[in-house]
C-alpha atoms as a PDB file:
ATOM      1  CA  MET A   1     -14.943 -26.904 -68.672  1.00  0.00           C
ATOM      2  CA  ASP A   2     -16.561 -28.638 -71.458  1.00  0.00           C
ATOM      3  CA  LYS A   3     -19.628 -26.074 -70.608  1.00  0.00           C
ATOM      4  CA  TYR A   4     -17.682 -23.631 -71.384  1.00  0.00           C
ATOM      5  CA  VAL A   5     -16.151 -24.561 -74.544  1.00  0.00           C
ATOM      6  CA  GLN A   6     -19.516 -25.284 -76.023  1.00  0.00           C
ATOM      7  CA  THR A   7     -20.733 -21.847 -75.088  1.00  0.00           C
ATOM      8  CA  LEU A   8     -17.768 -19.766 -76.853  1.00  0.00           C
ATOM      9  CA  LYS A   9     -18.153 -22.203 -80.000  1.00  0.00           C
ATOM     10  CA  SER A  10     -21.912 -21.379 -79.928  1.00  0.00           C
ATOM     11  CA  LEU A  11     -21.423 -17.837 -79.736  1.00  0.00           C
ATOM     12  CA  MET A  12     -18.232 -18.084 -82.731  1.00  0.00           C
ATOM     13  CA  ASP A  13     -19.964 -19.531 -84.668  1.00  0.00           C
ATOM     14  CA  GLU A  14     -22.483 -17.365 -84.614  1.00  0.00           C
ATOM     15  CA  TYR A  15     -21.116 -13.927 -84.859  1.00  0.00           C
ATOM     16  CA  ILE A  16     -17.993 -14.569 -86.874  1.00  0.00           C
ATOM     17  CA  ASN A  17     -17.490 -15.280 -90.602  1.00  0.00           C
ATOM     18  CA  TYR A  18     -15.071 -18.560 -90.514  1.00  0.00           C
ATOM     19  CA  THR A  19     -14.352 -18.720 -93.983  1.00  0.00           C
ATOM     20  CA  MET A  20     -13.284 -14.856 -95.066  1.00  0.00           C
ATOM     21  CA  ALA A  21     -11.685 -15.188 -91.306  1.00  0.00           C
ATOM     22  CA  ILE A  22      -9.626 -18.043 -92.314  1.00  0.00           C
ATOM     23  CA  ALA A  23      -9.272 -16.098 -96.072  1.00  0.00           C
ATOM     24  CA  GLY A  24      -8.221 -12.946 -94.953  1.00  0.00           C
ATOM     25  CA  ALA A  25      -6.031 -13.832 -91.673  1.00  0.00           C
ATOM     26  CA  VAL A  26      -4.127 -16.084 -94.089  1.00  0.00           C
ATOM     27  CA  VAL A  27      -3.592 -12.782 -96.938  1.00  0.00           C
ATOM     28  CA  LEU A  28      -3.877 -10.344 -95.319  1.00  0.00           C
ATOM     29  CA  GLY A  29      -0.291 -12.077 -92.607  1.00  0.00           C
ATOM     30  CA  GLY A  30       1.092 -13.047 -96.123  1.00  0.00           C
ATOM     31  CA  ILE A  31       1.463  -9.466 -97.274  1.00  0.00           C
ATOM     32  CA  VAL A  32       2.036  -8.031 -93.766  1.00  0.00           C
ATOM     33  CA  PHE A  33       4.581 -10.799 -93.843  1.00  0.00           C
ATOM     34  CA  VAL A  34       6.204  -9.561 -96.752  1.00  0.00           C
ATOM     35  CA  ILE A  35       5.605  -5.532 -96.279  1.00  0.00           C
ATOM     36  CA  ASN A  36       8.351  -6.579 -92.905  1.00  0.00           C
ATOM     37  CA  PHE A  37      10.916  -8.373 -94.800  1.00  0.00           C
ATOM     38  CA  PRO A  38      13.066  -5.777 -94.667  1.00  0.00           C
ATOM     39  CA  HIS A  39      13.106  -5.569 -91.168  1.00  0.00           C
ATOM     40  CA  GLY A  40      14.330  -8.777 -90.501  1.00  0.00           C
ATOM     41  CA  ILE A  41      12.402 -12.238 -90.123  1.00  0.00           C
ATOM     42  CA  ILE A  42      11.202 -12.196 -86.585  1.00  0.00           C
ATOM     43  CA  LEU A  43      10.009  -8.307 -86.692  1.00  0.00           C
ATOM     44  CA  ALA A  44       8.174  -9.573 -90.267  1.00  0.00           C
ATOM     45  CA  SER A  45       6.522 -12.662 -88.642  1.00  0.00           C
ATOM     46  CA  VAL A  46       5.921 -10.620 -85.442  1.00  0.00           C
ATOM     47  CA  ALA A  47       3.752  -8.165 -87.433  1.00  0.00           C
ATOM     48  CA  ALA A  48       2.106 -11.342 -89.832  1.00  0.00           C
ATOM     49  CA  SER A  49       1.144 -13.364 -86.951  1.00  0.00           C
ATOM     50  CA  LYS A  50      -0.343 -10.002 -85.030  1.00  0.00           C
ATOM     51  CA  GLN A  51      -2.126  -9.705 -88.721  1.00  0.00           C
ATOM     52  CA  ALA A  52      -3.207 -12.683 -89.242  1.00  0.00           C
ATOM     53  CA  VAL A  53      -4.729 -13.576 -85.552  1.00  0.00           C
ATOM     54  CA  TYR A  54      -5.940 -10.323 -85.558  1.00  0.00           C
ATOM     55  CA  THR A  55      -8.176 -10.332 -89.133  1.00  0.00           C
ATOM     56  CA  PHE A  56      -9.214 -13.510 -88.356  1.00  0.00           C
ATOM     57  CA  PHE A  57     -10.925 -12.789 -85.830  1.00  0.00           C
ATOM     58  CA  ALA A  58     -12.021  -9.377 -85.908  1.00  0.00           C
ATOM     59  CA  GLY A  59     -12.496  -9.401 -89.430  1.00  0.00           C
ATOM     60  CA  GLY A  60     -14.372 -12.366 -88.587  1.00  0.00           C
ATOM     61  CA  LEU A  61     -16.710 -10.459 -86.739  1.00  0.00           C
ATOM     62  CA  ILE A  62     -16.688  -7.286 -89.213  1.00  0.00           C
ATOM     63  CA  ALA A  63     -17.238  -9.805 -91.944  1.00  0.00           C
ATOM     64  CA  ARG A  64     -20.272 -11.638 -89.414  1.00  0.00           C
ATOM     65  CA  ASN A  65     -21.742  -7.613 -89.618  1.00  0.00           C
ATOM     66  CA  GLY A  66     -21.422  -6.479 -92.731  1.00  0.00           C
ATOM     67  CA  GLU A  67     -23.337  -9.576 -93.705  1.00  0.00           C
ATOM     68  CA  ASN A  68     -25.420  -8.391 -90.988  1.00  0.00           C
ATOM     69  CA  LEU A  69     -26.307  -4.900 -92.704  1.00  0.00           C
ATOM     70  CA  ALA A  70     -26.087  -5.640 -96.213  1.00  0.00           C
ATOM     71  CA  LEU A  71     -29.830  -6.075 -95.476  1.00  0.00           C
ATOM     72  CA  ARG A  72     -30.954  -3.854 -92.671  1.00  0.00           C
ATOM     73  CA  TRP A  73     -33.273  -1.765 -94.574  1.00  0.00           C
ATOM     74  CA  ASP A  74     -35.449  -2.333 -97.342  1.00  0.00           C
ATOM     75  CA  SER A  75     -33.300  -0.201 -99.968  1.00  0.00           C
ATOM     76  CA  ARG A  76     -30.132  -3.047-100.629  1.00  0.00           C
ATOM     77  CA  TRP A  77     -28.611   0.260-102.338  1.00  0.00           C
ATOM     78  CA  LEU A  78     -28.849   2.150 -99.434  1.00  0.00           C
ATOM     79  CA  SER A  79     -27.711  -1.457 -97.081  1.00  0.00           C
ATOM     80  CA  LEU A  80     -25.043  -2.585 -99.560  1.00  0.00           C
ATOM     81  CA  LEU A  81     -23.541   1.262 -98.394  1.00  0.00           C
ATOM     82  CA  VAL A  82     -23.810   1.224 -95.076  1.00  0.00           C
ATOM     83  CA  SER A  83     -22.347  -2.581 -94.582  1.00  0.00           C
ATOM     84  CA  ILE A  84     -19.645  -1.185 -97.011  1.00  0.00           C
ATOM     85  CA  VAL A  85     -18.599   1.984 -95.797  1.00  0.00           C
ATOM     86  CA  VAL A  86     -18.794   1.148 -91.381  1.00  0.00           C
ATOM     87  CA  SER A  87     -17.285  -2.065 -92.032  1.00  0.00           C
ATOM     88  CA  THR A  88     -13.636  -0.906 -94.024  1.00  0.00           C
ATOM     89  CA  VAL A  89     -13.868   2.543 -91.735  1.00  0.00           C
ATOM     90  CA  ILE A  90     -13.603  -0.638 -88.276  1.00  0.00           C
ATOM     91  CA  ALA A  91     -11.467  -2.824 -89.803  1.00  0.00           C
ATOM     92  CA  VAL A  92      -9.102   0.067 -91.080  1.00  0.00           C
ATOM     93  CA  GLY A  93      -9.753   2.139 -87.576  1.00  0.00           C
ATOM     94  CA  LEU A  94      -8.484  -1.393 -85.800  1.00  0.00           C
ATOM     95  CA  THR A  95      -5.970  -2.675 -88.042  1.00  0.00           C
ATOM     96  CA  PHE A  96      -3.642   0.497 -87.690  1.00  0.00           C
ATOM     97  CA  LEU A  97      -4.508   0.614 -84.353  1.00  0.00           C
ATOM     98  CA  VAL A  98      -2.801  -2.939 -83.703  1.00  0.00           C
ATOM     99  CA  HIS A  99       0.042  -2.331 -85.400  1.00  0.00           C
ATOM    100  CA  SER A 100       0.015   0.615 -84.272  1.00  0.00           C
ATOM    101  CA  LEU A 101       0.912  -1.728 -80.969  1.00  0.00           C
ATOM    102  CA  ARG A 102       5.043  -2.827 -80.664  1.00  0.00           C
ATOM    103  CA  GLY A 103       6.495  -5.059 -82.657  1.00  0.00           C
ATOM    104  CA  THR A 104       5.198  -3.252 -86.113  1.00  0.00           C
ATOM    105  CA  PRO A 105       7.713  -1.786 -87.842  1.00  0.00           C
ATOM    106  CA  GLU A 106       5.694  -0.553 -90.871  1.00  0.00           C
ATOM    107  CA  PRO A 107       2.572   0.441 -89.037  1.00  0.00           C
ATOM    108  CA  LEU A 108       0.947   2.529 -92.326  1.00  0.00           C
ATOM    109  CA  GLN A 109       3.094   1.104 -94.968  1.00  0.00           C
ATOM    110  CA  SER A 110       0.971  -2.493 -92.939  1.00  0.00           C
ATOM    111  CA  THR A 111      -2.707  -1.076 -93.504  1.00  0.00           C
ATOM    112  CA  ILE A 112      -2.614   0.096 -97.060  1.00  0.00           C
ATOM    113  CA  PRO A 113      -3.473  -3.488 -97.744  1.00  0.00           C
ATOM    114  CA  THR A 114      -6.580  -3.146 -95.600  1.00  0.00           C
ATOM    115  CA  ILE A 115      -7.732   0.032 -97.393  1.00  0.00           C
ATOM    116  CA  ILE A 116      -7.713  -1.297-100.883  1.00  0.00           C
ATOM    117  CA  LEU A 117      -9.689  -4.456-100.245  1.00  0.00           C
ATOM    118  CA  SER A 118     -12.053  -4.280 -97.301  1.00  0.00           C
ATOM    119  CA  PRO A 119     -14.122  -1.674 -99.539  1.00  0.00           C
ATOM    120  CA  ILE A 120     -14.141  -4.578-102.256  1.00  0.00           C
ATOM    121  CA  GLY A 121     -13.800  -7.548-100.084  1.00  0.00           C
ATOM    122  CA  PHE A 122     -16.509  -6.202 -98.066  1.00  0.00           C
ATOM    123  CA  PHE A 123     -18.763  -5.449-100.978  1.00  0.00           C
ATOM    124  CA  ILE A 124     -18.835  -8.600-102.281  1.00  0.00           C
ATOM    125  CA  ILE A 125     -19.813 -10.703 -98.697  1.00  0.00           C
ATOM    126  CA  ALA A 126     -22.810  -8.191 -98.494  1.00  0.00           C
ATOM    127  CA  TRP A 127     -23.901  -8.614-102.585  1.00  0.00           C
ATOM    128  CA  ARG A 128     -23.772 -12.121-102.049  1.00  0.00           C
ATOM    129  CA  ARG A 129     -25.635 -11.895 -98.420  1.00  0.00           C
ATOM    130  CA  GLN A 130     -28.816 -10.138-100.126  1.00  0.00           C
ATOM    131  CA  GLN A 131     -28.293 -12.531-103.266  1.00  0.00           C
ATOM    132  CA  GLN A 132     -28.682 -15.048-100.517  1.00  0.00           C
ATOM    133  CA  SER A 133     -31.747 -13.235 -98.701  1.00  0.00           C
ATOM    134  CA  LEU A 134     -32.781 -13.216-102.723  1.00  0.00           C
ATOM    135  CA  ALA A 135     -33.182 -16.783-102.939  1.00  0.00           C
ATOM    136  CA  GLU A 136     -34.567 -17.991 -99.260  1.00  0.00           C
END
């Protein structure tokens, strides 16, 4: 069993940006809680929990993928643009899908923070990765 845990940890370390996963889970989970709070604490908690868990895993994976895309092409600007657009489209689409499943009273409103914050966050992630690459 320990071997499987080690393998899983190794895969997560390679494919998830933990810093962005945790930050995104806390920020977006909190925002989704506030958006859905008028429907009651239980429904708001369900929506916020879905957002936080989803953001940790999917957001962390998308962030790591965005870092890789930021270094993909010789043109830094093309790589930056592709990284931001692809990462944002995936994040918004998956967020809406998660909230469209049972349990979120306001799926569209719960997706709006991702629509607004994703391009900014993915720009910062991609830009920082490019800067790190130049310094190496």
